[in-house]
Amino acid sequence: MAYDEATAERVRDILAIHGDELAERKMFGGVAWMLRGNMACGMLGDDLLVRVHPEDYERALAEPGARVFDFTGRVARNVVVVSGERLADDEELAGWVETGVAYALSLPPKRK
């Protein structure tokens, strides 16, 4: 599945401040951004995947346009899908991306 390259470029702009800690990988047929080896967020089609802290998961799902991530028929814990329709606003996109960044940076770095 392809992903929305225009929105992905906006996400890249938001994440650019993380420099060497940031890596981009093809995942789920889309693209994902990793910080210190931990997934922060990704794009799948027009939607944004956001990894959230377990304590914030239910609150995140209650946000407009958010739903569970069940790509394989199994719900991925702590990953929220934000509908592409909700991503037109730069502040809303940045807020979701920063949610993923905060969680990824709260985790220990993964070894290469």
N, C-alpha and C. Protein backbone atom coordinates (compact mmCIF):
# COMPACT_ATOMS: atom_id res chain seq x y z
N MET A 1 0.85 -1.18 0.00
CA MET A 1 0.00 0.00 0.00
C MET A 1 0.89 1.24 0.00
N ALA A 2 0.59 2.17 -0.85
CA ALA A 2 1.33 3.43 -0.91
C ALA A 2 0.90 4.33 0.24
N TYR A 3 1.63 5.39 0.42
CA TYR A 3 1.29 6.35 1.46
C TYR A 3 1.28 7.75 0.88
N ASP A 4 0.61 8.64 1.58
CA ASP A 4 0.47 10.03 1.14
C ASP A 4 1.81 10.74 1.29
N GLU A 5 2.48 10.93 0.18
CA GLU A 5 3.84 11.51 0.20
C GLU A 5 3.82 12.96 0.69
N ALA A 6 2.78 13.71 0.38
CA ALA A 6 2.72 15.11 0.82
C ALA A 6 2.65 15.19 2.35
N THR A 7 1.81 14.35 2.96
CA THR A 7 1.72 14.35 4.42
C THR A 7 3.01 13.80 5.01
N ALA A 8 3.59 12.78 4.39
CA ALA A 8 4.86 12.23 4.88
C ALA A 8 5.95 13.30 4.88
N GLU A 9 5.95 14.16 3.88
CA GLU A 9 6.95 15.23 3.83
C GLU A 9 6.72 16.23 4.96
N ARG A 10 5.48 16.50 5.29
CA ARG A 10 5.18 17.38 6.42
C ARG A 10 5.65 16.75 7.73
N VAL A 11 5.47 15.43 7.86
CA VAL A 11 5.96 14.73 9.05
C VAL A 11 7.48 14.81 9.11
N ARG A 12 8.15 14.60 7.99
CA ARG A 12 9.62 14.71 7.94
C ARG A 12 10.08 16.09 8.42
N ASP A 13 9.37 17.13 8.00
CA ASP A 13 9.72 18.49 8.42
C ASP A 13 9.61 18.64 9.95
N ILE A 14 8.57 18.06 10.53
CA ILE A 14 8.38 18.13 11.98
C ILE A 14 9.50 17.38 12.70
N LEU A 15 9.87 16.23 12.15
CA LEU A 15 10.86 15.37 12.80
C LEU A 15 12.31 15.77 12.53
N ALA A 16 12.54 16.69 11.62
CA ALA A 16 13.90 17.06 11.21
C ALA A 16 14.77 17.50 12.38
N ILE A 17 14.20 18.05 13.43
CA ILE A 17 15.00 18.53 14.56
C ILE A 17 15.69 17.39 15.31
N HIS A 18 15.29 16.16 15.05
CA HIS A 18 15.86 15.02 15.77
C HIS A 18 17.12 14.47 15.12
N GLY A 19 17.50 14.99 13.97
CA GLY A 19 18.77 14.69 13.33
C GLY A 19 19.17 13.23 13.31
N ASP A 20 20.33 12.95 13.91
CA ASP A 20 20.91 11.60 13.86
C ASP A 20 20.13 10.56 14.64
N GLU A 21 19.25 10.98 15.52
CA GLU A 21 18.44 10.02 16.28
C GLU A 21 17.30 9.45 15.43
N LEU A 22 17.04 10.06 14.29
CA LEU A 22 15.89 9.72 13.44
C LEU A 22 16.29 8.77 12.32
N ALA A 23 15.46 7.76 12.09
CA ALA A 23 15.62 6.87 10.94
C ALA A 23 14.25 6.66 10.32
N GLU A 24 14.24 6.49 9.01
CA GLU A 24 13.01 6.24 8.28
C GLU A 24 13.10 4.83 7.70
N ARG A 25 12.02 4.07 7.86
CA ARG A 25 12.00 2.69 7.37
C ARG A 25 10.67 2.39 6.69
N LYS A 26 10.75 1.53 5.69
CA LYS A 26 9.52 1.02 5.07
C LYS A 26 8.93 -0.01 6.03
N MET A 27 7.66 0.16 6.37
CA MET A 27 6.95 -0.76 7.26
C MET A 27 5.48 -0.80 6.90
N PHE A 28 4.87 -1.95 7.05
CA PHE A 28 3.43 -2.12 6.87
C PHE A 28 2.97 -1.70 5.47
N GLY A 29 3.86 -1.66 4.50
CA GLY A 29 3.50 -1.17 3.18
C GLY A 29 3.49 0.35 3.11
N GLY A 30 3.95 0.99 4.16
CA GLY A 30 4.05 2.45 4.21
C GLY A 30 5.44 2.84 4.67
N VAL A 31 5.50 3.84 5.51
CA VAL A 31 6.78 4.32 6.03
C VAL A 31 6.62 4.58 7.52
N ALA A 32 7.71 4.34 8.27
CA ALA A 32 7.69 4.60 9.71
C ALA A 32 8.94 5.39 10.08
N TRP A 33 8.82 6.20 11.12
CA TRP A 33 9.95 6.97 11.63
C TRP A 33 10.31 6.46 13.00
N MET A 34 11.58 6.19 13.17
CA MET A 34 12.10 5.62 14.39
C MET A 34 13.02 6.65 15.06
N LEU A 35 12.94 6.71 16.36
CA LEU A 35 13.85 7.54 17.14
C LEU A 35 14.60 6.62 18.10
N ARG A 36 15.89 6.61 17.99
CA ARG A 36 16.75 5.72 18.78
C ARG A 36 16.28 4.27 18.67
N GLY A 37 15.79 3.91 17.49
CA GLY A 37 15.38 2.54 17.23
C GLY A 37 13.95 2.21 17.60
N ASN A 38 13.22 3.14 18.18
CA ASN A 38 11.83 2.91 18.60
C ASN A 38 10.89 3.67 17.67
N MET A 39 9.85 2.98 17.20
CA MET A 39 8.89 3.63 16.31
C MET A 39 8.15 4.75 17.04
N ALA A 40 8.11 5.91 16.40
CA ALA A 40 7.35 7.05 16.91
C ALA A 40 6.03 7.17 16.16
N CYS A 41 6.10 7.13 14.82
CA CYS A 41 4.91 7.28 14.00
C CYS A 41 5.19 6.75 12.61
N GLY A 42 4.15 6.70 11.80
CA GLY A 42 4.30 6.23 10.43
C GLY A 42 3.11 6.64 9.58
N MET A 43 3.25 6.40 8.30
CA MET A 43 2.17 6.69 7.35
C MET A 43 1.78 5.39 6.67
N LEU A 44 0.49 5.17 6.58
CA LEU A 44 -0.07 4.03 5.86
C LEU A 44 -1.26 4.55 5.08
N GLY A 45 -1.14 4.60 3.79
CA GLY A 45 -2.17 5.25 2.98
C GLY A 45 -2.21 6.73 3.32
N ASP A 46 -3.40 7.22 3.61
CA ASP A 46 -3.55 8.64 4.00
C ASP A 46 -3.49 8.82 5.52
N ASP A 47 -3.37 7.73 6.24
CA ASP A 47 -3.48 7.77 7.69
C ASP A 47 -2.12 7.82 8.38
N LEU A 48 -2.13 8.40 9.57
CA LEU A 48 -0.93 8.47 10.40
C LEU A 48 -1.04 7.43 11.51
N LEU A 49 -0.01 6.64 11.68
CA LEU A 49 0.08 5.70 12.80
C LEU A 49 0.88 6.39 13.88
N VAL A 50 0.39 6.37 15.10
CA VAL A 50 1.07 7.04 16.21
C VAL A 50 1.21 6.06 17.36
N ARG A 51 2.43 5.90 17.82
CA ARG A 51 2.67 5.07 18.99
C ARG A 51 2.50 5.94 20.23
N VAL A 52 1.64 5.50 21.15
CA VAL A 52 1.33 6.31 22.32
C VAL A 52 1.67 5.55 23.60
N HIS A 53 1.87 6.30 24.65
CA HIS A 53 2.14 5.70 25.96
C HIS A 53 0.92 4.89 26.37
N PRO A 54 1.12 3.71 26.98
CA PRO A 54 -0.03 2.88 27.39
C PRO A 54 -1.05 3.63 28.24
N GLU A 55 -0.60 4.54 29.09
CA GLU A 55 -1.53 5.29 29.93
C GLU A 55 -2.38 6.28 29.13
N ASP A 56 -1.92 6.65 27.94
CA ASP A 56 -2.63 7.62 27.10
C ASP A 56 -3.43 6.98 25.97
N TYR A 57 -3.37 5.65 25.86
CA TYR A 57 -3.98 4.95 24.74
C TYR A 57 -5.49 5.20 24.63
N GLU A 58 -6.22 4.98 25.69
CA GLU A 58 -7.68 5.15 25.64
C GLU A 58 -8.06 6.60 25.35
N ARG A 59 -7.35 7.55 25.96
CA ARG A 59 -7.61 8.96 25.69
C ARG A 59 -7.36 9.29 24.23
N ALA A 60 -6.28 8.75 23.67
CA ALA A 60 -5.96 9.01 22.26
C ALA A 60 -7.05 8.43 21.35
N LEU A 61 -7.54 7.25 21.67
CA LEU A 61 -8.60 6.64 20.87
C LEU A 61 -9.90 7.45 20.91
N ALA A 62 -10.10 8.22 21.95
CA ALA A 62 -11.31 9.03 22.08
C ALA A 62 -11.26 10.30 21.23
N GLU A 63 -10.09 10.62 20.68
CA GLU A 63 -9.95 11.83 19.85
C GLU A 63 -10.67 11.63 18.52
N PRO A 64 -11.21 12.70 17.94
CA PRO A 64 -11.87 12.58 16.64
C PRO A 64 -10.92 12.04 15.57
N GLY A 65 -11.40 11.09 14.80
CA GLY A 65 -10.61 10.52 13.71
C GLY A 65 -9.63 9.44 14.12
N ALA A 66 -9.56 9.10 15.40
CA ALA A 66 -8.62 8.09 15.87
C ALA A 66 -9.32 6.73 15.99
N ARG A 67 -8.56 5.68 15.71
CA ARG A 67 -9.09 4.32 15.84
C ARG A 67 -7.93 3.36 16.15
N VAL A 68 -8.28 2.13 16.49
CA VAL A 68 -7.26 1.13 16.79
C VAL A 68 -6.55 0.72 15.51
N PHE A 69 -5.34 0.23 15.67
CA PHE A 69 -4.55 -0.27 14.54
C PHE A 69 -4.63 -1.79 14.57
N ASP A 70 -5.33 -2.34 13.58
CA ASP A 70 -5.49 -3.79 13.51
C ASP A 70 -5.14 -4.30 12.12
N PHE A 71 -3.98 -3.95 11.66
CA PHE A 71 -3.50 -4.24 10.30
C PHE A 71 -3.56 -5.73 9.97
N THR A 72 -3.23 -6.59 10.92
CA THR A 72 -3.18 -8.03 10.67
C THR A 72 -4.39 -8.76 11.24
N GLY A 73 -5.38 -8.03 11.69
CA GLY A 73 -6.53 -8.65 12.34
C GLY A 73 -6.37 -8.73 13.85
N ARG A 74 -5.18 -8.37 14.31
CA ARG A 74 -4.90 -8.30 15.75
C ARG A 74 -4.62 -6.84 16.09
N VAL A 75 -5.19 -6.37 17.17
CA VAL A 75 -4.98 -4.98 17.56
C VAL A 75 -3.55 -4.80 18.04
N ALA A 76 -2.87 -3.80 17.48
CA ALA A 76 -1.52 -3.46 17.92
C ALA A 76 -1.65 -2.54 19.13
N ARG A 77 -1.17 -3.02 20.25
CA ARG A 77 -1.28 -2.23 21.47
C ARG A 77 -0.46 -0.95 21.36
N ASN A 78 -1.04 0.11 21.87
CA ASN A 78 -0.39 1.41 21.97
C ASN A 78 -0.12 2.08 20.62
N VAL A 79 -0.79 1.63 19.57
CA VAL A 79 -0.69 2.30 18.28
C VAL A 79 -2.09 2.76 17.89
N VAL A 80 -2.19 4.04 17.58
CA VAL A 80 -3.45 4.65 17.18
C VAL A 80 -3.34 5.07 15.72
N VAL A 81 -4.39 4.85 14.96
CA VAL A 81 -4.46 5.32 13.58
C VAL A 81 -5.26 6.60 13.56
N VAL A 82 -4.68 7.64 12.99
CA VAL A 82 -5.38 8.92 12.87
C VAL A 82 -5.75 9.09 11.40
N SER A 83 -7.03 9.24 11.14
CA SER A 83 -7.55 9.38 9.79
C SER A 83 -6.88 10.55 9.06
N GLY A 84 -6.54 10.31 7.81
CA GLY A 84 -5.92 11.36 7.00
C GLY A 84 -6.74 12.63 6.92
N GLU A 85 -8.06 12.51 7.08
CA GLU A 85 -8.94 13.68 7.04
C GLU A 85 -8.64 14.64 8.19
N ARG A 86 -8.04 14.13 9.28
CA ARG A 86 -7.75 14.95 10.46
C ARG A 86 -6.36 15.60 10.38
N LEU A 87 -5.62 15.34 9.32
CA LEU A 87 -4.22 15.76 9.27
C LEU A 87 -3.96 17.01 8.44
N ALA A 88 -4.99 17.64 7.91
CA ALA A 88 -4.81 18.83 7.09
C ALA A 88 -4.27 20.01 7.90
N ASP A 89 -4.67 20.07 9.18
CA ASP A 89 -4.24 21.16 10.05
C ASP A 89 -2.82 20.87 10.56
N ASP A 90 -1.89 21.80 10.32
CA ASP A 90 -0.49 21.60 10.72
C ASP A 90 -0.33 21.39 12.22
N GLU A 91 -1.10 22.12 13.01
CA GLU A 91 -0.99 21.98 14.47
C GLU A 91 -1.46 20.61 14.94
N GLU A 92 -2.54 20.13 14.35
CA GLU A 92 -3.04 18.81 14.75
C GLU A 92 -2.05 17.71 14.33
N LEU A 93 -1.52 17.81 13.12
CA LEU A 93 -0.51 16.84 12.68
C LEU A 93 0.69 16.88 13.61
N ALA A 94 1.21 18.07 13.90
CA ALA A 94 2.36 18.20 14.78
C ALA A 94 2.08 17.63 16.17
N GLY A 95 0.88 17.85 16.68
CA GLY A 95 0.53 17.33 18.00
C GLY A 95 0.58 15.81 18.03
N TRP A 96 0.04 15.17 16.99
CA TRP A 96 0.08 13.71 16.94
C TRP A 96 1.51 13.20 16.79
N VAL A 97 2.27 13.84 15.90
CA VAL A 97 3.66 13.41 15.71
C VAL A 97 4.44 13.55 17.01
N GLU A 98 4.27 14.66 17.70
CA GLU A 98 4.99 14.88 18.96
C GLU A 98 4.56 13.89 20.05
N THR A 99 3.32 13.43 20.00
CA THR A 99 2.88 12.38 20.92
C THR A 99 3.70 11.12 20.69
N GLY A 100 3.87 10.75 19.44
CA GLY A 100 4.69 9.58 19.11
C GLY A 100 6.14 9.77 19.46
N VAL A 101 6.66 10.96 19.23
CA VAL A 101 8.05 11.28 19.56
C VAL A 101 8.28 11.15 21.07
N ALA A 102 7.38 11.72 21.85
CA ALA A 102 7.54 11.67 23.30
C ALA A 102 7.59 10.24 23.80
N TYR A 103 6.72 9.38 23.26
CA TYR A 103 6.73 8.00 23.72
C TYR A 103 8.00 7.28 23.26
N ALA A 104 8.37 7.45 22.01
CA ALA A 104 9.58 6.78 21.51
C ALA A 104 10.82 7.19 22.31
N LEU A 105 10.91 8.46 22.64
CA LEU A 105 12.08 8.94 23.40
C LEU A 105 12.04 8.54 24.87
N SER A 106 10.87 8.11 25.36
CA SER A 106 10.78 7.67 26.74
C SER A 106 11.29 6.23 26.91
N LEU A 107 11.47 5.54 25.80
CA LEU A 107 11.91 4.14 25.82
C LEU A 107 13.43 4.06 25.75
N PRO A 108 14.01 2.98 26.27
CA PRO A 108 15.46 2.81 26.13
C PRO A 108 15.83 2.66 24.65
N PRO A 109 16.97 3.20 24.24
CA PRO A 109 17.40 3.02 22.85
C PRO A 109 17.57 1.53 22.53
N LYS A 110 17.23 1.18 21.31
CA LYS A 110 17.45 -0.20 20.86
C LYS A 110 18.85 -0.33 20.31
N ARG A 111 19.45 -1.46 20.55
CA ARG A 111 20.80 -1.71 20.03
C ARG A 111 20.71 -2.04 18.54
N LYS A 112 21.73 -1.65 17.83
CA LYS A 112 21.79 -1.95 16.39
C LYS A 112 22.39 -3.30 16.16
